[in-house]
Amino acid sequence: MNPNSSVKVHFECDRGHAPHELCVAVNQAVPPNLRCEAGQPSGISKGGGSGCRIPDNLQELVTRELRDNMQESRRQGYVLIRD
């Protein structure tokens, strides 16, 4: 995975618990504060196994959120995806 295009993502499902921290590879470079930490594996990094189903189109959702809300994502330090 290219470290310049791996994005910190907080995924919130409708189960009402804390967001899952993910690392998602996209097809573009992202600002340094949105990049995953060095060595962080892709997929779920914390909070897995709680019954949330990760969307099949997660990469597409992250790319769209980067395009539509880059400033807010940069402010937060991650891309927020809600399902």
PDB file of N, CA and C in Angstrom:
ATOM      1  N   MET A   1       0.850  -1.178   0.000  1.00  0.00           N
ATOM      2  CA  MET A   1       0.000   0.000   0.000  1.00  0.00           C
ATOM      3  C   MET A   1       0.893   1.237   0.000  1.00  0.00           C
ATOM      4  N   ASN A   2       0.590   2.194  -0.842  1.00  0.00           N
ATOM      5  CA  ASN A   2       1.329   3.449  -0.903  1.00  0.00           C
ATOM      6  C   ASN A   2       0.964   4.283   0.323  1.00  0.00           C
ATOM      7  N   PRO A   3       1.946   4.622   1.167  1.00  0.00           N
ATOM      8  CA  PRO A   3       1.618   5.376   2.387  1.00  0.00           C
ATOM      9  C   PRO A   3       1.054   6.769   2.104  1.00  0.00           C
ATOM     10  N   ASN A   4       1.318   7.316   0.919  1.00  0.00           N
ATOM     11  CA  ASN A   4       0.787   8.644   0.584  1.00  0.00           C
ATOM     12  C   ASN A   4      -0.671   8.611   0.156  1.00  0.00           C
ATOM     13  N   SER A   5      -1.215   7.424  -0.067  1.00  0.00           N
ATOM     14  CA  SER A   5      -2.612   7.320  -0.503  1.00  0.00           C
ATOM     15  C   SER A   5      -3.436   6.414   0.409  1.00  0.00           C
ATOM     16  N   SER A   6      -2.968   6.198   1.617  1.00  0.00           N
ATOM     17  CA  SER A   6      -3.755   5.447   2.592  1.00  0.00           C
ATOM     18  C   SER A   6      -4.351   6.440   3.582  1.00  0.00           C
ATOM     19  N   VAL A   7      -5.658   6.379   3.747  1.00  0.00           N
ATOM     20  CA  VAL A   7      -6.420   7.400   4.462  1.00  0.00           C
ATOM     21  C   VAL A   7      -6.945   6.874   5.799  1.00  0.00           C
ATOM     22  N   LYS A   8      -6.818   7.702   6.837  1.00  0.00           N
ATOM     23  CA  LYS A   8      -7.447   7.388   8.127  1.00  0.00           C
ATOM     24  C   LYS A   8      -8.946   7.605   7.983  1.00  0.00           C
ATOM     25  N   VAL A   9      -9.709   6.593   8.308  1.00  0.00           N
ATOM     26  CA  VAL A   9     -11.166   6.649   8.182  1.00  0.00           C
ATOM     27  C   VAL A   9     -11.798   6.259   9.512  1.00  0.00           C
ATOM     28  N   HIS A  10     -12.799   7.003   9.910  1.00  0.00           N
ATOM     29  CA  HIS A  10     -13.649   6.610  11.033  1.00  0.00           C
ATOM     30  C   HIS A  10     -14.972   6.172  10.422  1.00  0.00           C
ATOM     31  N   PHE A  11     -15.311   4.911  10.641  1.00  0.00           N
ATOM     32  CA  PHE A  11     -16.535   4.343  10.087  1.00  0.00           C
ATOM     33  C   PHE A  11     -17.549   4.168  11.203  1.00  0.00           C
ATOM     34  N   GLU A  12     -18.705   4.797  11.045  1.00  0.00           N
ATOM     35  CA  GLU A  12     -19.793   4.684  12.014  1.00  0.00           C
ATOM     36  C   GLU A  12     -20.927   3.911  11.382  1.00  0.00           C
ATOM     37  N   CYS A  13     -21.296   2.804  12.002  1.00  0.00           N
ATOM     38  CA  CYS A  13     -22.463   2.075  11.514  1.00  0.00           C
ATOM     39  C   CYS A  13     -23.655   2.437  12.394  1.00  0.00           C
ATOM     40  N   ASP A  14     -24.802   1.931  12.067  1.00  0.00           N
ATOM     41  CA  ASP A  14     -26.026   2.307  12.781  1.00  0.00           C
ATOM     42  C   ASP A  14     -26.233   1.518  14.067  1.00  0.00           C
ATOM     43  N   ARG A  15     -25.205   0.881  14.579  1.00  0.00           N
ATOM     44  CA  ARG A  15     -25.335   0.102  15.814  1.00  0.00           C
ATOM     45  C   ARG A  15     -25.142   0.954  17.073  1.00  0.00           C
ATOM     46  N   GLY A  16     -24.754   2.218  16.899  1.00  0.00           N
ATOM     47  CA  GLY A  16     -24.693   3.134  18.030  1.00  0.00           C
ATOM     48  C   GLY A  16     -23.473   3.007  18.921  1.00  0.00           C
ATOM     49  N   HIS A  17     -22.389   2.446  18.453  1.00  0.00           N
ATOM     50  CA  HIS A  17     -21.195   2.388  19.280  1.00  0.00           C
ATOM     51  C   HIS A  17     -20.081   3.218  18.656  1.00  0.00           C
ATOM     52  N   ALA A  18     -18.939   3.236  19.298  1.00  0.00           N
ATOM     53  CA  ALA A  18     -17.816   4.080  18.868  1.00  0.00           C
ATOM     54  C   ALA A  18     -17.414   3.776  17.426  1.00  0.00           C
ATOM     55  N   PRO A  19     -16.917   4.792  16.716  1.00  0.00           N
ATOM     56  CA  PRO A  19     -16.483   4.582  15.328  1.00  0.00           C
ATOM     57  C   PRO A  19     -15.334   3.584  15.245  1.00  0.00           C
ATOM     58  N   HIS A  20     -15.291   2.872  14.146  1.00  0.00           N
ATOM     59  CA  HIS A  20     -14.192   1.956  13.859  1.00  0.00           C
ATOM     60  C   HIS A  20     -13.119   2.727  13.122  1.00  0.00           C
ATOM     61  N   GLU A  21     -11.879   2.575  13.537  1.00  0.00           N
ATOM     62  CA  GLU A  21     -10.762   3.224  12.866  1.00  0.00           C
ATOM     63  C   GLU A  21     -10.254   2.297  11.777  1.00  0.00           C
ATOM     64  N   LEU A  22     -10.260   2.798  10.556  1.00  0.00           N
ATOM     65  CA  LEU A  22      -9.843   2.017   9.400  1.00  0.00           C
ATOM     66  C   LEU A  22      -8.722   2.727   8.672  1.00  0.00           C
ATOM     67  N   CYS A  23      -8.027   1.982   7.844  1.00  0.00           N
ATOM     68  CA  CYS A  23      -7.031   2.530   6.945  1.00  0.00           C
ATOM     69  C   CYS A  23      -7.429   2.066   5.548  1.00  0.00           C
ATOM     70  N   VAL A  24      -7.759   3.014   4.678  1.00  0.00           N
ATOM     71  CA  VAL A  24      -8.301   2.689   3.357  1.00  0.00           C
ATOM     72  C   VAL A  24      -7.394   3.263   2.276  1.00  0.00           C
ATOM     73  N   ALA A  25      -6.991   2.427   1.330  1.00  0.00           N
ATOM     74  CA  ALA A  25      -6.178   2.882   0.201  1.00  0.00           C
ATOM     75  C   ALA A  25      -7.086   3.499  -0.854  1.00  0.00           C
ATOM     76  N   VAL A  26      -6.689   4.671  -1.347  1.00  0.00           N
ATOM     77  CA  VAL A  26      -7.414   5.346  -2.424  1.00  0.00           C
ATOM     78  C   VAL A  26      -6.445   5.580  -3.580  1.00  0.00           C
ATOM     79  N   ASN A  27      -6.972   5.999  -4.704  1.00  0.00           N
ATOM     80  CA  ASN A  27      -6.162   6.187  -5.906  1.00  0.00           C
ATOM     81  C   ASN A  27      -5.698   7.629  -6.077  1.00  0.00           C
ATOM     82  N   GLN A  28      -5.333   8.264  -4.973  1.00  0.00           N
ATOM     83  CA  GLN A  28      -4.847   9.639  -5.022  1.00  0.00           C
ATOM     84  C   GLN A  28      -3.993   9.880  -3.792  1.00  0.00           C
ATOM     85  N   ALA A  29      -3.088  10.845  -3.885  1.00  0.00           N
ATOM     86  CA  ALA A  29      -2.314  11.249  -2.717  1.00  0.00           C
ATOM     87  C   ALA A  29      -3.230  12.045  -1.791  1.00  0.00           C
ATOM     88  N   VAL A  30      -2.998  11.905  -0.507  1.00  0.00           N
ATOM     89  CA  VAL A  30      -3.811  12.621   0.479  1.00  0.00           C
ATOM     90  C   VAL A  30      -2.895  13.471   1.363  1.00  0.00           C
ATOM     91  N   PRO A  31      -3.435  14.524   1.973  1.00  0.00           N
ATOM     92  CA  PRO A  31      -2.631  15.372   2.851  1.00  0.00           C
ATOM     93  C   PRO A  31      -2.017  14.547   3.993  1.00  0.00           C
ATOM     94  N   PRO A  32      -0.849  14.948   4.456  1.00  0.00           N
ATOM     95  CA  PRO A  32      -0.167  14.182   5.507  1.00  0.00           C
ATOM     96  C   PRO A  32      -1.000  13.916   6.756  1.00  0.00           C
ATOM     97  N   ASN A  33      -1.829  14.883   7.177  1.00  0.00           N
ATOM     98  CA  ASN A  33      -2.596  14.653   8.411  1.00  0.00           C
ATOM     99  C   ASN A  33      -3.749  13.659   8.222  1.00  0.00           C
ATOM    100  N   LEU A  34      -4.040  13.266   6.983  1.00  0.00           N
ATOM    101  CA  LEU A  34      -5.086  12.266   6.735  1.00  0.00           C
ATOM    102  C   LEU A  34      -4.511  10.876   6.468  1.00  0.00           C
ATOM    103  N   ARG A  35      -3.208  10.774   6.396  1.00  0.00           N
ATOM    104  CA  ARG A  35      -2.575   9.488   6.081  1.00  0.00           C
ATOM    105  C   ARG A  35      -2.542   8.578   7.294  1.00  0.00           C
ATOM    106  N   CYS A  36      -2.629   7.292   7.016  1.00  0.00           N
ATOM    107  CA  CYS A  36      -2.491   6.298   8.081  1.00  0.00           C
ATOM    108  C   CYS A  36      -1.075   6.340   8.622  1.00  0.00           C
ATOM    109  N   GLU A  37      -0.916   5.889   9.845  1.00  0.00           N
ATOM    110  CA  GLU A  37       0.400   5.837  10.453  1.00  0.00           C
ATOM    111  C   GLU A  37       1.239   4.775   9.757  1.00  0.00           C
ATOM    112  N   ALA A  38       2.534   4.988   9.725  1.00  0.00           N
ATOM    113  CA  ALA A  38       3.446   4.030   9.103  1.00  0.00           C
ATOM    114  C   ALA A  38       3.258   2.652   9.731  1.00  0.00           C
ATOM    115  N   GLY A  39       3.126   1.645   8.896  1.00  0.00           N
ATOM    116  CA  GLY A  39       2.978   0.273   9.369  1.00  0.00           C
ATOM    117  C   GLY A  39       1.573  -0.129   9.748  1.00  0.00           C
ATOM    118  N   GLN A  40       0.624   0.807   9.722  1.00  0.00           N
ATOM    119  CA  GLN A  40      -0.760   0.471  10.056  1.00  0.00           C
ATOM    120  C   GLN A  40      -1.340  -0.376   8.933  1.00  0.00           C
ATOM    121  N   PRO A  41      -1.877  -1.529   9.256  1.00  0.00           N
ATOM    122  CA  PRO A  41      -2.437  -2.379   8.202  1.00  0.00           C
ATOM    123  C   PRO A  41      -3.726  -1.795   7.640  1.00  0.00           C
ATOM    124  N   SER A  42      -4.073  -2.213   6.436  1.00  0.00           N
ATOM    125  CA  SER A  42      -5.346  -1.776   5.875  1.00  0.00           C
ATOM    126  C   SER A  42      -6.474  -2.510   6.576  1.00  0.00           C
ATOM    127  N   GLY A  43      -7.663  -1.966   6.445  1.00  0.00           N
ATOM    128  CA  GLY A  43      -8.832  -2.581   7.075  1.00  0.00           C
ATOM    129  C   GLY A  43      -9.017  -2.077   8.486  1.00  0.00           C
ATOM    130  N   ILE A  44      -9.671  -2.863   9.317  1.00  0.00           N
ATOM    131  CA  ILE A  44      -9.990  -2.444  10.682  1.00  0.00           C
ATOM    132  C   ILE A  44      -8.738  -2.491  11.533  1.00  0.00           C
ATOM    133  N   SER A  45      -8.477  -1.381  12.235  1.00  0.00           N
ATOM    134  CA  SER A  45      -7.318  -1.346  13.111  1.00  0.00           C
ATOM    135  C   SER A  45      -7.715  -1.448  14.574  1.00  0.00           C
ATOM    136  N   LYS A  46      -8.926  -0.994  14.936  1.00  0.00           N
ATOM    137  CA  LYS A  46      -9.408  -1.057  16.311  1.00  0.00           C
ATOM    138  C   LYS A  46     -10.912  -1.275  16.281  1.00  0.00           C
ATOM    139  N   GLY A  47     -11.426  -1.972  17.263  1.00  0.00           N
ATOM    140  CA  GLY A  47     -12.861  -2.063  17.436  1.00  0.00           C
ATOM    141  C   GLY A  47     -13.564  -3.024  16.493  1.00  0.00           C
ATOM    142  N   GLY A  48     -12.869  -3.960  15.904  1.00  0.00           N
ATOM    143  CA  GLY A  48     -13.504  -4.897  14.981  1.00  0.00           C
ATOM    144  C   GLY A  48     -14.342  -5.933  15.696  1.00  0.00           C
ATOM    145  N   GLY A  49     -15.131  -6.670  14.935  1.00  0.00           N
ATOM    146  CA  GLY A  49     -15.894  -7.781  15.476  1.00  0.00           C
ATOM    147  C   GLY A  49     -17.149  -7.379  16.219  1.00  0.00           C
ATOM    148  N   SER A  50     -17.671  -6.210  15.984  1.00  0.00           N
ATOM    149  CA  SER A  50     -18.815  -5.756  16.757  1.00  0.00           C
ATOM    150  C   SER A  50     -20.126  -5.838  15.991  1.00  0.00           C
ATOM    151  N   GLY A  51     -20.117  -6.457  14.842  1.00  0.00           N
ATOM    152  CA  GLY A  51     -21.340  -6.614  14.087  1.00  0.00           C
ATOM    153  C   GLY A  51     -21.565  -5.591  13.005  1.00  0.00           C
ATOM    154  N   CYS A  52     -20.680  -4.611  12.858  1.00  0.00           N
ATOM    155  CA  CYS A  52     -20.812  -3.645  11.773  1.00  0.00           C
ATOM    156  C   CYS A  52     -20.317  -4.280  10.486  1.00  0.00           C
ATOM    157  N   ARG A  53     -21.079  -4.071   9.438  1.00  0.00           N
ATOM    158  CA  ARG A  53     -20.679  -4.576   8.127  1.00  0.00           C
ATOM    159  C   ARG A  53     -20.043  -3.435   7.356  1.00  0.00           C
ATOM    160  N   ILE A  54     -18.788  -3.630   6.968  1.00  0.00           N
ATOM    161  CA  ILE A  54     -18.076  -2.615   6.189  1.00  0.00           C
ATOM    162  C   ILE A  54     -18.655  -2.621   4.776  1.00  0.00           C
ATOM    163  N   PRO A  55     -19.028  -1.471   4.234  1.00  0.00           N
ATOM    164  CA  PRO A  55     -19.612  -1.429   2.882  1.00  0.00           C
ATOM    165  C   PRO A  55     -18.634  -1.946   1.829  1.00  0.00           C
ATOM    166  N   ASP A  56     -19.168  -2.652   0.855  1.00  0.00           N
ATOM    167  CA  ASP A  56     -18.344  -3.172  -0.243  1.00  0.00           C
ATOM    168  C   ASP A  56     -17.696  -2.041  -1.032  1.00  0.00           C
ATOM    169  N   ASN A  57     -18.333  -0.892  -1.074  1.00  0.00           N
ATOM    170  CA  ASN A  57     -17.827   0.241  -1.854  1.00  0.00           C
ATOM    171  C   ASN A  57     -17.130   1.273  -0.967  1.00  0.00           C
ATOM    172  N   LEU A  58     -16.484   0.837   0.105  1.00  0.00           N
ATOM    173  CA  LEU A  58     -15.859   1.753   1.055  1.00  0.00           C
ATOM    174  C   LEU A  58     -14.839   2.665   0.371  1.00  0.00           C
ATOM    175  N   GLN A  59     -14.015   2.124  -0.493  1.00  0.00           N
ATOM    176  CA  GLN A  59     -13.019   2.943  -1.171  1.00  0.00           C
ATOM    177  C   GLN A  59     -13.700   4.071  -1.968  1.00  0.00           C
ATOM    178  N   GLU A  60     -14.771   3.746  -2.646  1.00  0.00           N
ATOM    179  CA  GLU A  60     -15.529   4.746  -3.407  1.00  0.00           C
ATOM    180  C   GLU A  60     -16.121   5.806  -2.476  1.00  0.00           C
ATOM    181  N   LEU A  61     -16.661   5.382  -1.348  1.00  0.00           N
ATOM    182  CA  LEU A  61     -17.239   6.322  -0.386  1.00  0.00           C
ATOM    183  C   LEU A  61     -16.176   7.270   0.168  1.00  0.00           C
ATOM    184  N   VAL A  62     -15.004   6.735   0.455  1.00  0.00           N
ATOM    185  CA  VAL A  62     -13.910   7.556   0.982  1.00  0.00           C
ATOM    186  C   VAL A  62     -13.452   8.554  -0.076  1.00  0.00           C
ATOM    187  N   THR A  63     -13.301   8.099  -1.311  1.00  0.00           N
ATOM    188  CA  THR A  63     -12.892   8.982  -2.408  1.00  0.00           C
ATOM    189  C   THR A  63     -13.894  10.112  -2.597  1.00  0.00           C
ATOM    190  N   ARG A  64     -15.170   9.791  -2.548  1.00  0.00           N
ATOM    191  CA  ARG A  64     -16.216  10.809  -2.693  1.00  0.00           C
ATOM    192  C   ARG A  64     -16.167  11.808  -1.538  1.00  0.00           C
ATOM    193  N   GLU A  65     -15.989  11.313  -0.337  1.00  0.00           N
ATOM    194  CA  GLU A  65     -15.931  12.199   0.828  1.00  0.00           C
ATOM    195  C   GLU A  65     -14.717  13.120   0.742  1.00  0.00           C
ATOM    196  N   LEU A  66     -13.592  12.604   0.276  1.00  0.00           N
ATOM    197  CA  LEU A  66     -12.411  13.442   0.079  1.00  0.00           C
ATOM    198  C   LEU A  66     -12.703  14.546  -0.938  1.00  0.00           C
ATOM    199  N   ARG A  67     -13.374  14.181  -2.008  1.00  0.00           N
ATOM    200  CA  ARG A  67     -13.695  15.153  -3.053  1.00  0.00           C
ATOM    201  C   ARG A  67     -14.675  16.208  -2.543  1.00  0.00           C
ATOM    202  N   ASP A  68     -15.706  15.781  -1.837  1.00  0.00           N
ATOM    203  CA  ASP A  68     -16.789  16.683  -1.444  1.00  0.00           C
ATOM    204  C   ASP A  68     -16.515  17.464  -0.157  1.00  0.00           C
ATOM    205  N   ASN A  69     -15.719  16.889   0.739  1.00  0.00           N
ATOM    206  CA  ASN A  69     -15.549  17.491   2.064  1.00  0.00           C
ATOM    207  C   ASN A  69     -14.104  17.463   2.551  1.00  0.00           C
ATOM    208  N   MET A  70     -13.169  17.773   1.676  1.00  0.00           N
ATOM    209  CA  MET A  70     -11.753  17.713   2.036  1.00  0.00           C
ATOM    210  C   MET A  70     -11.422  18.616   3.223  1.00  0.00           C
ATOM    211  N   GLN A  71     -11.937  19.828   3.234  1.00  0.00           N
ATOM    212  CA  GLN A  71     -11.605  20.759   4.312  1.00  0.00           C
ATOM    213  C   GLN A  71     -12.058  20.220   5.670  1.00  0.00           C
ATOM    214  N   GLU A  72     -13.262  19.677   5.734  1.00  0.00           N
ATOM    215  CA  GLU A  72     -13.761  19.126   7.003  1.00  0.00           C
ATOM    216  C   GLU A  72     -12.945  17.908   7.414  1.00  0.00           C
ATOM    217  N   SER A  73     -12.603  17.061   6.465  1.00  0.00           N
ATOM    218  CA  SER A  73     -11.777  15.891   6.778  1.00  0.00           C
ATOM    219  C   SER A  73     -10.415  16.327   7.303  1.00  0.00           C
ATOM    220  N   ARG A  74      -9.815  17.311   6.682  1.00  0.00           N
ATOM    221  CA  ARG A  74      -8.514  17.814   7.141  1.00  0.00           C
ATOM    222  C   ARG A  74      -8.632  18.387   8.544  1.00  0.00           C
ATOM    223  N   ARG A  75      -9.710  19.091   8.815  1.00  0.00           N
ATOM    224  CA  ARG A  75      -9.914  19.660  10.153  1.00  0.00           C
ATOM    225  C   ARG A  75     -10.021  18.562  11.206  1.00  0.00           C
ATOM    226  N   GLN A  76     -10.754  17.491  10.872  1.00  0.00           N
ATOM    227  CA  GLN A  76     -10.954  16.377  11.803  1.00  0.00           C
ATOM    228  C   GLN A  76      -9.722  15.493  11.924  1.00  0.00           C
ATOM    229  N   GLY A  77      -8.940  15.407  10.836  1.00  0.00           N
ATOM    230  CA  GLY A  77      -7.776  14.506  10.825  1.00  0.00           C
ATOM    231  C   GLY A  77      -8.112  13.109  10.367  1.00  0.00           C
ATOM    232  N   TYR A  78      -9.299  12.929   9.819  1.00  0.00           N
ATOM    233  CA  TYR A  78      -9.742  11.637   9.285  1.00  0.00           C
ATOM    234  C   TYR A  78     -10.947  11.878   8.396  1.00  0.00           C
ATOM    235  N   VAL A  79     -11.294  10.857   7.610  1.00  0.00           N
ATOM    236  CA  VAL A  79     -12.491  10.895   6.782  1.00  0.00           C
ATOM    237  C   VAL A  79     -13.587  10.157   7.528  1.00  0.00           C
ATOM    238  N   LEU A  80     -14.729  10.791   7.686  1.00  0.00           N
ATOM    239  CA  LEU A  80     -15.860  10.178   8.392  1.00  0.00           C
ATOM    240  C   LEU A  80     -16.818   9.567   7.382  1.00  0.00           C
ATOM    241  N   ILE A  81     -17.098   8.276   7.578  1.00  0.00           N
ATOM    242  CA  ILE A  81     -18.068   7.558   6.749  1.00  0.00           C
ATOM    243  C   ILE A  81     -19.138   7.006   7.688  1.00  0.00           C
ATOM    244  N   ARG A  82     -20.388   7.314   7.365  1.00  0.00           N
ATOM    245  CA  ARG A  82     -21.510   6.799   8.171  1.00  0.00           C
ATOM    246  C   ARG A  82     -22.343   5.861   7.310  1.00  0.00           C
ATOM    247  N   ASP A  83     -22.787   4.784   7.933  1.00  0.00           N
ATOM    248  CA  ASP A  83     -23.631   3.821   7.214  1.00  0.00           C
ATOM    249  C   ASP A  83     -24.883   3.559   8.012  1.00  0.00           C
TER     250      ASP A  83
END
